[in-house]
């Protein structure tokens, strides 16, 4: 309280003390910090899942209404809970952003390949730490992590369906990352003449795709969104194009322009699949306040509005079973 505010309070009529909504919210948030840190210290996994998921997201949206998110982020960083969460390699990588952004392909591998997370914790001396194991389990096996696992399975099913129908199919993944949807897919199991093009701007991700899946049917192209928008890459036409982790970072106009260029690369009858995280995503509070991982969240209607006007009526929108991600699929009319 400032000195002026204190003088005003002394001169005001005596009345029953009331807490402002903002002060009440801060008290509630501080109580959450204390309870959560205690639960983490005791290895209470079920309590941690609820604390980092439903409870923190509730506090996040309440803080958003009171313009209190910067103060909440500062309170977390100053609390021992923050240092404890950083023992989780998934959380730490998002927070530190070694490639300039959260959600890079190495980070997602901590979800797809848990043994890599365990190896990282061991290398950091946290392999047996209760906090490290608890937070890692909660973040990668919670509903948001399950949505990312579901995404891999969904992409794999689209790849398999496309190749099963047309063994000569061409498939393009935009912002491909490490292409973990290629694990156990038909491209690696049956004879075919298909081609899979992995397009990504990160040279390290491109190198990992080559190392993991190097095969005659794989083509890895290092490039960026601007090149796709300018049509400066000679990629050809495709039966399936998907981009499942890029639109969360694209402003509306850029997203619409990219969608228009991608649909132009489809063969008649070809399918376009896009994805975006929802605003009420489970774990959004943890993502933004602890991991400092911010996305361009969109509702299904907002996501559909990104599509060029003549695509919207025929586009099919679905929400994943964990209710964190919206998918839009569109099929190019046959000639």
C-alpha atoms as a PDB file:
ATOM      1  CA  UNK A   1       0.000   0.000   0.000  1.00  0.00           C
ATOM      2  CA  UNK A   2       1.297   3.444  -0.920  1.00  0.00           C
ATOM      3  CA  UNK A   3       1.505   6.251   1.723  1.00  0.00           C
ATOM      4  CA  UNK A   4      -1.341   8.120  -0.011  1.00  0.00           C
ATOM      5  CA  UNK A   5      -3.534   5.045   0.037  1.00  0.00           C
ATOM      6  CA  UNK A   6      -2.757   4.581   3.730  1.00  0.00           C
ATOM      7  CA  UNK A   7      -3.826   8.168   4.541  1.00  0.00           C
ATOM      8  CA  UNK A   8      -7.025   7.695   2.550  1.00  0.00           C
ATOM      9  CA  UNK A   9      -7.764   4.550   4.526  1.00  0.00           C
ATOM     10  CA  UNK A  10      -7.251   6.318   7.870  1.00  0.00           C
ATOM     11  CA  UNK A  11      -9.582   9.156   6.893  1.00  0.00           C
ATOM     12  CA  UNK A  12     -12.316   6.860   5.568  1.00  0.00           C
ATOM     13  CA  UNK A  13     -15.295   5.826   7.747  1.00  0.00           C
ATOM     14  CA  UNK A  14     -14.707   2.668   9.737  1.00  0.00           C
ATOM     15  CA  UNK A  15     -16.344  -0.272   7.971  1.00  0.00           C
ATOM     16  CA  UNK A  16     -16.033  -4.011   7.738  1.00  0.00           C
ATOM     17  CA  UNK A  17     -12.845  -4.981   5.901  1.00  0.00           C
ATOM     18  CA  UNK A  18     -13.257  -6.367   2.424  1.00  0.00           C
ATOM     19  CA  UNK A  19     -10.791  -7.988   0.074  1.00  0.00           C
ATOM     20  CA  UNK A  20     -10.652  -6.856  -3.511  1.00  0.00           C
ATOM     21  CA  UNK A  21     -10.966  -9.614  -6.126  1.00  0.00           C
ATOM     22  CA  UNK A  22      -7.329  -9.039  -7.075  1.00  0.00           C
ATOM     23  CA  UNK A  23      -6.053  -9.425  -3.498  1.00  0.00           C
ATOM     24  CA  UNK A  24      -8.260 -12.465  -2.983  1.00  0.00           C
ATOM     25  CA  UNK A  25      -6.841 -14.015  -6.140  1.00  0.00           C
ATOM     26  CA  UNK A  26      -3.252 -13.384  -5.003  1.00  0.00           C
ATOM     27  CA  UNK A  27      -3.955 -15.036  -1.658  1.00  0.00           C
ATOM     28  CA  UNK A  28      -5.474 -18.020  -3.424  1.00  0.00           C
ATOM     29  CA  UNK A  29      -2.501 -18.268  -5.765  1.00  0.00           C
ATOM     30  CA  UNK A  30       0.025 -18.108  -2.924  1.00  0.00           C
ATOM     31  CA  UNK A  31      -1.904 -20.840  -1.124  1.00  0.00           C
ATOM     32  CA  UNK A  32      -1.760 -22.930  -4.318  1.00  0.00           C
ATOM     33  CA  UNK A  33       2.020 -22.456  -4.492  1.00  0.00           C
ATOM     34  CA  UNK A  34       2.463 -23.627  -0.895  1.00  0.00           C
ATOM     35  CA  UNK A  35       0.151 -26.647  -1.238  1.00  0.00           C
ATOM     36  CA  UNK A  36       1.623 -27.709  -4.569  1.00  0.00           C
ATOM     37  CA  UNK A  37       5.211 -27.468  -3.386  1.00  0.00           C
ATOM     38  CA  UNK A  38       4.369 -29.594  -0.356  1.00  0.00           C
ATOM     39  CA  UNK A  39       2.592 -32.181  -2.520  1.00  0.00           C
ATOM     40  CA  UNK A  40       5.563 -32.290  -4.898  1.00  0.00           C
ATOM     41  CA  UNK A  41       7.993 -32.723  -2.031  1.00  0.00           C
ATOM     42  CA  UNK A  42       5.960 -35.717  -0.864  1.00  0.00           C
ATOM     43  CA  UNK A  43       5.681 -37.220  -4.348  1.00  0.00           C
ATOM     44  CA  UNK A  44       1.876 -37.048  -4.460  1.00  0.00           C
ATOM     45  CA  UNK A  45       1.469 -37.716  -8.173  1.00  0.00           C
ATOM     46  CA  UNK A  46      -2.334 -37.618  -8.294  1.00  0.00           C
ATOM     47  CA  UNK A  47      -2.435 -34.348  -6.381  1.00  0.00           C
ATOM     48  CA  UNK A  48       0.237 -32.886  -8.683  1.00  0.00           C
ATOM     49  CA  UNK A  49      -1.707 -33.791 -11.807  1.00  0.00           C
ATOM     50  CA  UNK A  50      -4.739 -31.912 -10.517  1.00  0.00           C
ATOM     51  CA  UNK A  51      -2.641 -29.021  -9.225  1.00  0.00           C
ATOM     52  CA  UNK A  52      -0.770 -28.444 -12.483  1.00  0.00           C
ATOM     53  CA  UNK A  53      -3.833 -29.114 -14.604  1.00  0.00           C
ATOM     54  CA  UNK A  54      -7.298 -28.109 -13.461  1.00  0.00           C
ATOM     55  CA  UNK A  55      -6.357 -25.957 -10.466  1.00  0.00           C
ATOM     56  CA  UNK A  56      -3.592 -23.921 -12.082  1.00  0.00           C
ATOM     57  CA  UNK A  57      -5.620 -23.397 -15.244  1.00  0.00           C
ATOM     58  CA  UNK A  58      -8.515 -22.113 -13.121  1.00  0.00           C
ATOM     59  CA  UNK A  59      -6.145 -19.674 -11.402  1.00  0.00           C
ATOM     60  CA  UNK A  60      -4.666 -18.717 -14.775  1.00  0.00           C
ATOM     61  CA  UNK A  61      -8.017 -17.771 -16.312  1.00  0.00           C
ATOM     62  CA  UNK A  62      -9.023 -15.943 -13.134  1.00  0.00           C
ATOM     63  CA  UNK A  63      -5.728 -14.053 -13.219  1.00  0.00           C
ATOM     64  CA  UNK A  64      -6.313 -13.245 -16.872  1.00  0.00           C
ATOM     65  CA  UNK A  65      -9.588 -11.527 -15.944  1.00  0.00           C
ATOM     66  CA  UNK A  66      -7.795  -9.434 -13.300  1.00  0.00           C
ATOM     67  CA  UNK A  67      -4.747  -8.656 -15.513  1.00  0.00           C
ATOM     68  CA  UNK A  68      -2.624 -10.469 -12.933  1.00  0.00           C
ATOM     69  CA  UNK A  69      -0.704 -12.925 -15.156  1.00  0.00           C
ATOM     70  CA  UNK A  70       2.660 -11.076 -15.046  1.00  0.00           C
ATOM     71  CA  UNK A  71       2.524 -10.966 -11.240  1.00  0.00           C
ATOM     72  CA  UNK A  72       1.622 -14.665 -11.116  1.00  0.00           C
ATOM     73  CA  UNK A  73       4.555 -15.567 -13.360  1.00  0.00           C
ATOM     74  CA  UNK A  74       6.913 -13.574 -11.131  1.00  0.00           C
ATOM     75  CA  UNK A  75       5.553 -15.243  -7.994  1.00  0.00           C
ATOM     76  CA  UNK A  76       6.157 -18.691  -9.478  1.00  0.00           C
ATOM     77  CA  UNK A  77       9.706 -17.876 -10.573  1.00  0.00           C
ATOM     78  CA  UNK A  78      10.547 -16.584  -7.088  1.00  0.00           C
ATOM     79  CA  UNK A  79       9.126 -19.699  -5.401  1.00  0.00           C
ATOM     80  CA  UNK A  80      11.099 -22.944  -4.789  1.00  0.00           C
ATOM     81  CA  UNK A  81       8.420 -24.756  -6.794  1.00  0.00           C
ATOM     82  CA  UNK A  82       9.862 -23.275  -9.987  1.00  0.00           C
ATOM     83  CA  UNK A  83      13.345 -24.693  -9.403  1.00  0.00           C
ATOM     84  CA  UNK A  84      11.808 -28.067  -8.576  1.00  0.00           C
ATOM     85  CA  UNK A  85       9.824 -28.068 -11.831  1.00  0.00           C
ATOM     86  CA  UNK A  86      13.004 -27.321 -13.776  1.00  0.00           C
ATOM     87  CA  UNK A  87      14.300 -30.768 -12.811  1.00  0.00           C
ATOM     88  CA  UNK A  88      11.830 -32.082 -15.402  1.00  0.00           C
ATOM     89  CA  UNK A  89      13.615 -32.014 -18.793  1.00  0.00           C
ATOM     90  CA  UNK A  90      10.346 -31.353 -20.642  1.00  0.00           C
ATOM     91  CA  UNK A  91       9.584 -28.257 -18.558  1.00  0.00           C
ATOM     92  CA  UNK A  92      13.189 -27.077 -18.543  1.00  0.00           C
ATOM     93  CA  UNK A  93      13.606 -27.249 -22.312  1.00  0.00           C
ATOM     94  CA  UNK A  94      10.390 -25.292 -22.878  1.00  0.00           C
ATOM     95  CA  UNK A  95      11.515 -22.632 -20.406  1.00  0.00           C
ATOM     96  CA  UNK A  96      15.080 -22.319 -21.734  1.00  0.00           C
ATOM     97  CA  UNK A  97      14.149 -22.528 -25.462  1.00  0.00           C
ATOM     98  CA  UNK A  98      17.562 -23.573 -26.795  1.00  0.00           C
ATOM     99  CA  UNK A  99      16.274 -23.372 -30.393  1.00  0.00           C
ATOM    100  CA  UNK A 100      14.512 -20.065 -29.832  1.00  0.00           C
ATOM    101  CA  UNK A 101      11.013 -21.382 -29.123  1.00  0.00           C
ATOM    102  CA  UNK A 102       9.204 -23.861 -26.906  1.00  0.00           C
ATOM    103  CA  UNK A 103       7.765 -27.066 -28.304  1.00  0.00           C
ATOM    104  CA  UNK A 104      10.732 -28.051 -30.466  1.00  0.00           C
ATOM    105  CA  UNK A 105      11.150 -31.589 -31.741  1.00  0.00           C
ATOM    106  CA  UNK A 106      13.599 -32.622 -29.022  1.00  0.00           C
ATOM    107  CA  UNK A 107      11.082 -31.555 -26.392  1.00  0.00           C
ATOM    108  CA  UNK A 108       8.296 -33.548 -28.029  1.00  0.00           C
ATOM    109  CA  UNK A 109      10.533 -36.618 -28.055  1.00  0.00           C
ATOM    110  CA  UNK A 110      10.334 -36.536 -24.255  1.00  0.00           C
ATOM    111  CA  UNK A 111       6.645 -37.398 -24.765  1.00  0.00           C
ATOM    112  CA  UNK A 112       7.063 -39.853 -27.630  1.00  0.00           C
ATOM    113  CA  UNK A 113      10.149 -41.565 -26.195  1.00  0.00           C
ATOM    114  CA  UNK A 114      10.095 -41.486 -22.375  1.00  0.00           C
ATOM    115  CA  UNK A 115      13.438 -43.272 -22.156  1.00  0.00           C
ATOM    116  CA  UNK A 116      15.075 -40.093 -23.488  1.00  0.00           C
ATOM    117  CA  UNK A 117      13.619 -38.098 -20.611  1.00  0.00           C
ATOM    118  CA  UNK A 118      14.844 -40.685 -18.122  1.00  0.00           C
ATOM    119  CA  UNK A 119      18.330 -40.602 -19.660  1.00  0.00           C
ATOM    120  CA  UNK A 120      18.394 -36.796 -19.512  1.00  0.00           C
ATOM    121  CA  UNK A 121      17.367 -36.771 -15.833  1.00  0.00           C
ATOM    122  CA  UNK A 122      20.079 -39.320 -15.068  1.00  0.00           C
ATOM    123  CA  UNK A 123      22.696 -37.209 -16.851  1.00  0.00           C
ATOM    124  CA  UNK A 124      21.648 -34.187 -14.786  1.00  0.00           C
ATOM    125  CA  UNK A 125      21.809 -36.172 -11.560  1.00  0.00           C
ATOM    126  CA  UNK A 126      18.007 -36.059 -11.152  1.00  0.00           C
ATOM    127  CA  UNK A 127      17.234 -39.638 -12.169  1.00  0.00           C
ATOM    128  CA  UNK A 128      16.188 -40.665  -8.665  1.00  0.00           C
ATOM    129  CA  UNK A 129      14.758 -37.302  -7.587  1.00  0.00           C
ATOM    130  CA  UNK A 130      11.109 -37.487  -6.576  1.00  0.00           C
ATOM    131  CA  UNK A 131      10.401 -33.989  -7.923  1.00  0.00           C
ATOM    132  CA  UNK A 132      11.964 -34.696 -11.320  1.00  0.00           C
ATOM    133  CA  UNK A 133      10.118 -37.972 -11.820  1.00  0.00           C
ATOM    134  CA  UNK A 134       6.819 -36.584 -10.564  1.00  0.00           C
ATOM    135  CA  UNK A 135       6.803 -33.453 -12.725  1.00  0.00           C
ATOM    136  CA  UNK A 136       8.029 -35.373 -15.770  1.00  0.00           C
ATOM    137  CA  UNK A 137       5.226 -37.882 -15.370  1.00  0.00           C
ATOM    138  CA  UNK A 138       2.572 -35.230 -14.837  1.00  0.00           C
ATOM    139  CA  UNK A 139       3.624 -33.045 -17.787  1.00  0.00           C
ATOM    140  CA  UNK A 140       4.194 -35.765 -20.384  1.00  0.00           C
ATOM    141  CA  UNK A 141       1.422 -38.178 -19.371  1.00  0.00           C
ATOM    142  CA  UNK A 142      -1.251 -35.591 -18.526  1.00  0.00           C
ATOM    143  CA  UNK A 143      -4.059 -34.646 -20.936  1.00  0.00           C
ATOM    144  CA  UNK A 144      -1.884 -32.226 -22.957  1.00  0.00           C
ATOM    145  CA  UNK A 145       0.789 -34.891 -23.384  1.00  0.00           C
ATOM    146  CA  UNK A 146      -1.865 -37.406 -24.349  1.00  0.00           C
ATOM    147  CA  UNK A 147      -3.092 -34.993 -27.045  1.00  0.00           C
ATOM    148  CA  UNK A 148       0.395 -34.881 -28.519  1.00  0.00           C
ATOM    149  CA  UNK A 149       0.570 -38.682 -28.479  1.00  0.00           C
ATOM    150  CA  UNK A 150      -2.858 -38.823 -30.118  1.00  0.00           C
ATOM    151  CA  UNK A 151      -1.636 -36.421 -32.796  1.00  0.00           C
ATOM    152  CA  UNK A 152       1.151 -38.818 -33.745  1.00  0.00           C
ATOM    153  CA  UNK A 153      -1.331 -41.689 -34.068  1.00  0.00           C
ATOM    154  CA  UNK A 154      -3.732 -39.567 -36.111  1.00  0.00           C
ATOM    155  CA  UNK A 155      -1.021 -38.481 -38.525  1.00  0.00           C
ATOM    156  CA  UNK A 156       0.185 -42.064 -38.864  1.00  0.00           C
ATOM    157  CA  UNK A 157      -3.331 -43.237 -39.694  1.00  0.00           C
ATOM    158  CA  UNK A 158      -3.643 -40.604 -42.437  1.00  0.00           C
ATOM    159  CA  UNK A 159      -0.277 -41.640 -43.880  1.00  0.00           C
ATOM    160  CA  UNK A 160      -1.249 -45.319 -43.804  1.00  0.00           C
ATOM    161  CA  UNK A 161      -4.634 -44.669 -45.408  1.00  0.00           C
ATOM    162  CA  UNK A 162      -3.069 -42.590 -48.172  1.00  0.00           C
ATOM    163  CA  UNK A 163      -0.409 -45.198 -48.979  1.00  0.00           C
ATOM    164  CA  UNK A 164      -2.886 -48.084 -48.760  1.00  0.00           C
ATOM    165  CA  UNK A 165      -5.128 -46.407 -51.353  1.00  0.00           C
ATOM    166  CA  UNK A 166      -2.303 -45.238 -53.600  1.00  0.00           C
ATOM    167  CA  UNK A 167       1.108 -46.950 -53.306  1.00  0.00           C
ATOM    168  CA  UNK A 168       2.492 -44.154 -55.530  1.00  0.00           C
ATOM    169  CA  UNK A 169       1.239 -41.391 -53.222  1.00  0.00           C
ATOM    170  CA  UNK A 170       3.214 -38.279 -52.375  1.00  0.00           C
ATOM    171  CA  UNK A 171       2.941 -36.934 -48.818  1.00  0.00           C
ATOM    172  CA  UNK A 172       4.192 -33.604 -47.431  1.00  0.00           C
ATOM    173  CA  UNK A 173       4.730 -32.786 -43.756  1.00  0.00           C
ATOM    174  CA  UNK A 174       5.184 -29.044 -43.121  1.00  0.00           C
ATOM    175  CA  UNK A 175       7.172 -28.151 -39.980  1.00  0.00           C
ATOM    176  CA  UNK A 176       7.936 -31.859 -39.800  1.00  0.00           C
ATOM    177  CA  UNK A 177      10.022 -31.914 -36.630  1.00  0.00           C
ATOM    178  CA  UNK A 178      11.363 -35.425 -36.045  1.00  0.00           C
ATOM    179  CA  UNK A 179       8.478 -37.126 -37.911  1.00  0.00           C
ATOM    180  CA  UNK A 180       7.771 -39.616 -35.146  1.00  0.00           C
ATOM    181  CA  UNK A 181       4.521 -40.503 -36.903  1.00  0.00           C
ATOM    182  CA  UNK A 182       6.746 -42.513 -39.253  1.00  0.00           C
ATOM    183  CA  UNK A 183       7.422 -44.978 -36.438  1.00  0.00           C
ATOM    184  CA  UNK A 184       5.615 -48.193 -37.294  1.00  0.00           C
ATOM    185  CA  UNK A 185       3.838 -46.733 -40.352  1.00  0.00           C
ATOM    186  CA  UNK A 186       3.089 -48.600 -43.598  1.00  0.00           C
ATOM    187  CA  UNK A 187       5.818 -46.723 -45.454  1.00  0.00           C
ATOM    188  CA  UNK A 188       8.305 -48.825 -43.500  1.00  0.00           C
ATOM    189  CA  UNK A 189       6.420 -52.119 -43.784  1.00  0.00           C
ATOM    190  CA  UNK A 190       5.143 -52.712 -47.304  1.00  0.00           C
ATOM    191  CA  UNK A 191       6.494 -52.423 -50.847  1.00  0.00           C
ATOM    192  CA  UNK A 192       5.474 -49.105 -52.407  1.00  0.00           C
ATOM    193  CA  UNK A 193       6.563 -46.318 -54.718  1.00  0.00           C
ATOM    194  CA  UNK A 194       5.384 -43.507 -52.462  1.00  0.00           C
ATOM    195  CA  UNK A 195       7.412 -40.450 -51.490  1.00  0.00           C
ATOM    196  CA  UNK A 196       7.351 -38.713 -48.115  1.00  0.00           C
ATOM    197  CA  UNK A 197       8.673 -35.125 -48.009  1.00  0.00           C
ATOM    198  CA  UNK A 198       9.667 -33.765 -44.595  1.00  0.00           C
ATOM    199  CA  UNK A 199       9.864 -29.954 -44.749  1.00  0.00           C
ATOM    200  CA  UNK A 200      11.358 -28.097 -41.757  1.00  0.00           C
ATOM    201  CA  UNK A 201      13.415 -24.987 -41.101  1.00  0.00           C
ATOM    202  CA  UNK A 202      15.547 -26.562 -38.356  1.00  0.00           C
ATOM    203  CA  UNK A 203      18.707 -28.215 -39.732  1.00  0.00           C
ATOM    204  CA  UNK A 204      19.080 -30.337 -36.593  1.00  0.00           C
ATOM    205  CA  UNK A 205      15.551 -31.711 -36.982  1.00  0.00           C
ATOM    206  CA  UNK A 206      16.200 -32.432 -40.643  1.00  0.00           C
ATOM    207  CA  UNK A 207      19.373 -34.313 -39.721  1.00  0.00           C
ATOM    208  CA  UNK A 208      17.490 -36.371 -37.123  1.00  0.00           C
ATOM    209  CA  UNK A 209      14.825 -37.367 -39.668  1.00  0.00           C
ATOM    210  CA  UNK A 210      17.489 -38.528 -42.113  1.00  0.00           C
ATOM    211  CA  UNK A 211      19.275 -40.473 -39.381  1.00  0.00           C
ATOM    212  CA  UNK A 212      16.107 -42.107 -38.032  1.00  0.00           C
ATOM    213  CA  UNK A 213      14.229 -42.900 -41.241  1.00  0.00           C
ATOM    214  CA  UNK A 214      16.712 -42.669 -44.111  1.00  0.00           C
ATOM    215  CA  UNK A 215      15.161 -44.587 -47.006  1.00  0.00           C
ATOM    216  CA  UNK A 216      14.716 -44.166 -50.768  1.00  0.00           C
ATOM    217  CA  UNK A 217      11.125 -42.993 -50.237  1.00  0.00           C
ATOM    218  CA  UNK A 218      12.161 -40.184 -47.850  1.00  0.00           C
ATOM    219  CA  UNK A 219      13.069 -36.687 -48.993  1.00  0.00           C
ATOM    220  CA  UNK A 220      14.096 -34.103 -46.390  1.00  0.00           C
ATOM    221  CA  UNK A 221      13.875 -30.437 -47.384  1.00  0.00           C
ATOM    222  CA  UNK A 222      15.228 -27.635 -45.211  1.00  0.00           C
ATOM    223  CA  UNK A 223      13.114 -24.527 -45.726  1.00  0.00           C
ATOM    224  CA  UNK A 224      10.799 -22.000 -44.107  1.00  0.00           C
ATOM    225  CA  UNK A 225       7.245 -20.702 -44.361  1.00  0.00           C
ATOM    226  CA  UNK A 226       8.259 -17.684 -46.433  1.00  0.00           C
ATOM    227  CA  UNK A 227       9.592 -19.990 -49.132  1.00  0.00           C
ATOM    228  CA  UNK A 228       6.292 -21.853 -49.221  1.00  0.00           C
ATOM    229  CA  UNK A 229       4.381 -18.588 -49.468  1.00  0.00           C
ATOM    230  CA  UNK A 230       6.566 -17.413 -52.364  1.00  0.00           C
ATOM    231  CA  UNK A 231       6.372 -20.797 -54.091  1.00  0.00           C
ATOM    232  CA  UNK A 232      10.156 -20.738 -54.274  1.00  0.00           C
ATOM    233  CA  UNK A 233      10.513 -24.446 -53.518  1.00  0.00           C
ATOM    234  CA  UNK A 234       9.914 -26.996 -56.256  1.00  0.00           C
ATOM    235  CA  UNK A 235       8.105 -29.607 -54.182  1.00  0.00           C
ATOM    236  CA  UNK A 236       5.485 -30.734 -56.676  1.00  0.00           C
ATOM    237  CA  UNK A 237       1.931 -31.967 -56.010  1.00  0.00           C
ATOM    238  CA  UNK A 238       0.756 -34.184 -53.164  1.00  0.00           C
ATOM    239  CA  UNK A 239      -1.973 -36.616 -52.171  1.00  0.00           C
ATOM    240  CA  UNK A 240      -1.698 -35.642 -48.503  1.00  0.00           C
ATOM    241  CA  UNK A 241      -0.344 -32.483 -46.892  1.00  0.00           C
ATOM    242  CA  UNK A 242      -0.383 -31.944 -43.156  1.00  0.00           C
ATOM    243  CA  UNK A 243       0.940 -29.435 -40.658  1.00  0.00           C
ATOM    244  CA  UNK A 244       0.128 -30.330 -37.071  1.00  0.00           C
ATOM    245  CA  UNK A 245       2.435 -28.149 -34.970  1.00  0.00           C
ATOM    246  CA  UNK A 246       2.908 -24.926 -36.899  1.00  0.00           C
ATOM    247  CA  UNK A 247      -0.355 -22.996 -36.919  1.00  0.00           C
ATOM    248  CA  UNK A 248      -0.187 -22.397 -33.146  1.00  0.00           C
ATOM    249  CA  UNK A 249       2.647 -19.956 -33.921  1.00  0.00           C
ATOM    250  CA  UNK A 250       1.293 -18.257 -37.076  1.00  0.00           C
ATOM    251  CA  UNK A 251      -0.616 -14.938 -37.059  1.00  0.00           C
ATOM    252  CA  UNK A 252      -3.988 -15.082 -38.792  1.00  0.00           C
ATOM    253  CA  UNK A 253      -2.999 -13.499 -42.119  1.00  0.00           C
ATOM    254  CA  UNK A 254       0.101 -15.677 -42.460  1.00  0.00           C
ATOM    255  CA  UNK A 255      -1.881 -18.801 -41.563  1.00  0.00           C
ATOM    256  CA  UNK A 256      -4.529 -18.041 -44.193  1.00  0.00           C
ATOM    257  CA  UNK A 257      -1.905 -17.332 -46.848  1.00  0.00           C
ATOM    258  CA  UNK A 258      -0.039 -20.540 -46.086  1.00  0.00           C
ATOM    259  CA  UNK A 259      -3.257 -22.577 -46.209  1.00  0.00           C
ATOM    260  CA  UNK A 260      -3.998 -21.164 -49.654  1.00  0.00           C
ATOM    261  CA  UNK A 261      -0.533 -22.113 -50.913  1.00  0.00           C
ATOM    262  CA  UNK A 262      -0.725 -25.614 -49.429  1.00  0.00           C
ATOM    263  CA  UNK A 263      -4.078 -26.418 -50.999  1.00  0.00           C
ATOM    264  CA  UNK A 264      -2.651 -25.320 -54.349  1.00  0.00           C
ATOM    265  CA  UNK A 265      -0.063 -28.114 -53.967  1.00  0.00           C
ATOM    266  CA  UNK A 266      -2.717 -30.804 -53.573  1.00  0.00           C
ATOM    267  CA  UNK A 267      -3.601 -33.160 -56.374  1.00  0.00           C
ATOM    268  CA  UNK A 268      -7.329 -33.413 -57.183  1.00  0.00           C
ATOM    269  CA  UNK A 269      -8.840 -35.520 -54.423  1.00  0.00           C
ATOM    270  CA  UNK A 270      -5.859 -34.777 -52.161  1.00  0.00           C
ATOM    271  CA  UNK A 271      -6.337 -34.027 -48.474  1.00  0.00           C
ATOM    272  CA  UNK A 272      -5.077 -31.175 -46.276  1.00  0.00           C
ATOM    273  CA  UNK A 273      -4.881 -31.672 -42.482  1.00  0.00           C
ATOM    274  CA  UNK A 274      -4.133 -28.799 -40.075  1.00  0.00           C
ATOM    275  CA  UNK A 275      -4.192 -28.456 -36.284  1.00  0.00           C
ATOM    276  CA  UNK A 276      -4.281 -25.823 -33.539  1.00  0.00           C
ATOM    277  CA  UNK A 277      -4.399 -25.923 -29.742  1.00  0.00           C
ATOM    278  CA  UNK A 278      -7.634 -24.744 -28.132  1.00  0.00           C
ATOM    279  CA  UNK A 279      -7.806 -21.733 -25.756  1.00  0.00           C
ATOM    280  CA  UNK A 280      -9.166 -23.837 -22.882  1.00  0.00           C
ATOM    281  CA  UNK A 281      -6.468 -26.484 -23.320  1.00  0.00           C
ATOM    282  CA  UNK A 282      -5.867 -28.541 -20.192  1.00  0.00           C
ATOM    283  CA  UNK A 283      -2.583 -27.437 -18.673  1.00  0.00           C
ATOM    284  CA  UNK A 284      -2.551 -23.990 -20.299  1.00  0.00           C
ATOM    285  CA  UNK A 285      -1.833 -22.420 -16.913  1.00  0.00           C
ATOM    286  CA  UNK A 286       1.272 -24.562 -16.453  1.00  0.00           C
ATOM    287  CA  UNK A 287       2.402 -24.001 -20.035  1.00  0.00           C
ATOM    288  CA  UNK A 288       2.228 -20.218 -19.843  1.00  0.00           C
ATOM    289  CA  UNK A 289       3.121 -19.546 -16.206  1.00  0.00           C
ATOM    290  CA  UNK A 290       5.780 -22.187 -15.533  1.00  0.00           C
ATOM    291  CA  UNK A 291       7.136 -23.184 -18.941  1.00  0.00           C
ATOM    292  CA  UNK A 292       6.612 -19.736 -20.517  1.00  0.00           C
ATOM    293  CA  UNK A 293       5.227 -21.550 -23.553  1.00  0.00           C
ATOM    294  CA  UNK A 294       2.709 -19.286 -25.269  1.00  0.00           C
ATOM    295  CA  UNK A 295       0.741 -20.231 -28.364  1.00  0.00           C
ATOM    296  CA  UNK A 296      -1.806 -18.574 -30.621  1.00  0.00           C
ATOM    297  CA  UNK A 297      -4.755 -20.455 -29.139  1.00  0.00           C
ATOM    298  CA  UNK A 298      -7.864 -20.688 -31.332  1.00  0.00           C
ATOM    299  CA  UNK A 299     -11.408 -21.941 -30.914  1.00  0.00           C
ATOM    300  CA  UNK A 300     -12.826 -24.193 -33.657  1.00  0.00           C
ATOM    301  CA  UNK A 301     -14.681 -21.213 -35.154  1.00  0.00           C
ATOM    302  CA  UNK A 302     -11.541 -19.060 -35.075  1.00  0.00           C
ATOM    303  CA  UNK A 303      -9.516 -21.849 -36.660  1.00  0.00           C
ATOM    304  CA  UNK A 304     -12.090 -22.391 -39.394  1.00  0.00           C
ATOM    305  CA  UNK A 305     -12.063 -18.645 -40.109  1.00  0.00           C
ATOM    306  CA  UNK A 306      -8.355 -18.935 -40.999  1.00  0.00           C
ATOM    307  CA  UNK A 307      -9.211 -21.031 -44.036  1.00  0.00           C
ATOM    308  CA  UNK A 308      -9.765 -19.219 -47.334  1.00  0.00           C
ATOM    309  CA  UNK A 309     -13.487 -18.455 -47.681  1.00  0.00           C
ATOM    310  CA  UNK A 310     -14.113 -20.991 -50.438  1.00  0.00           C
ATOM    311  CA  UNK A 311     -12.683 -23.803 -48.299  1.00  0.00           C
ATOM    312  CA  UNK A 312     -14.719 -23.230 -45.154  1.00  0.00           C
ATOM    313  CA  UNK A 313     -17.998 -24.898 -46.124  1.00  0.00           C
ATOM    314  CA  UNK A 314     -16.347 -28.195 -47.075  1.00  0.00           C
ATOM    315  CA  UNK A 315     -13.816 -28.270 -44.217  1.00  0.00           C
ATOM    316  CA  UNK A 316     -14.385 -30.848 -41.485  1.00  0.00           C
ATOM    317  CA  UNK A 317     -13.483 -29.778 -37.944  1.00  0.00           C
ATOM    318  CA  UNK A 318     -12.943 -32.234 -35.103  1.00  0.00           C
ATOM    319  CA  UNK A 319     -11.598 -31.961 -31.557  1.00  0.00           C
ATOM    320  CA  UNK A 320      -9.259 -34.614 -30.184  1.00  0.00           C
ATOM    321  CA  UNK A 321     -10.541 -37.006 -27.453  1.00  0.00           C
ATOM    322  CA  UNK A 322      -8.636 -35.067 -24.778  1.00  0.00           C
ATOM    323  CA  UNK A 323     -10.272 -31.790 -25.893  1.00  0.00           C
ATOM    324  CA  UNK A 324      -7.051 -29.848 -26.326  1.00  0.00           C
ATOM    325  CA  UNK A 325      -6.551 -29.643 -30.105  1.00  0.00           C
ATOM    326  CA  UNK A 326      -8.831 -28.817 -33.037  1.00  0.00           C
ATOM    327  CA  UNK A 327      -8.201 -30.426 -36.448  1.00  0.00           C
ATOM    328  CA  UNK A 328      -9.356 -29.174 -39.829  1.00  0.00           C
ATOM    329  CA  UNK A 329      -9.408 -31.486 -42.835  1.00  0.00           C
ATOM    330  CA  UNK A 330     -10.235 -30.440 -46.375  1.00  0.00           C
ATOM    331  CA  UNK A 331     -10.330 -32.497 -49.563  1.00  0.00           C
ATOM    332  CA  UNK A 332      -9.588 -30.868 -52.891  1.00  0.00           C
ATOM    333  CA  UNK A 333     -12.404 -31.421 -55.364  1.00  0.00           C
ATOM    334  CA  UNK A 334     -11.605 -33.902 -58.090  1.00  0.00           C
ATOM    335  CA  UNK A 335     -11.121 -32.443 -61.539  1.00  0.00           C
END
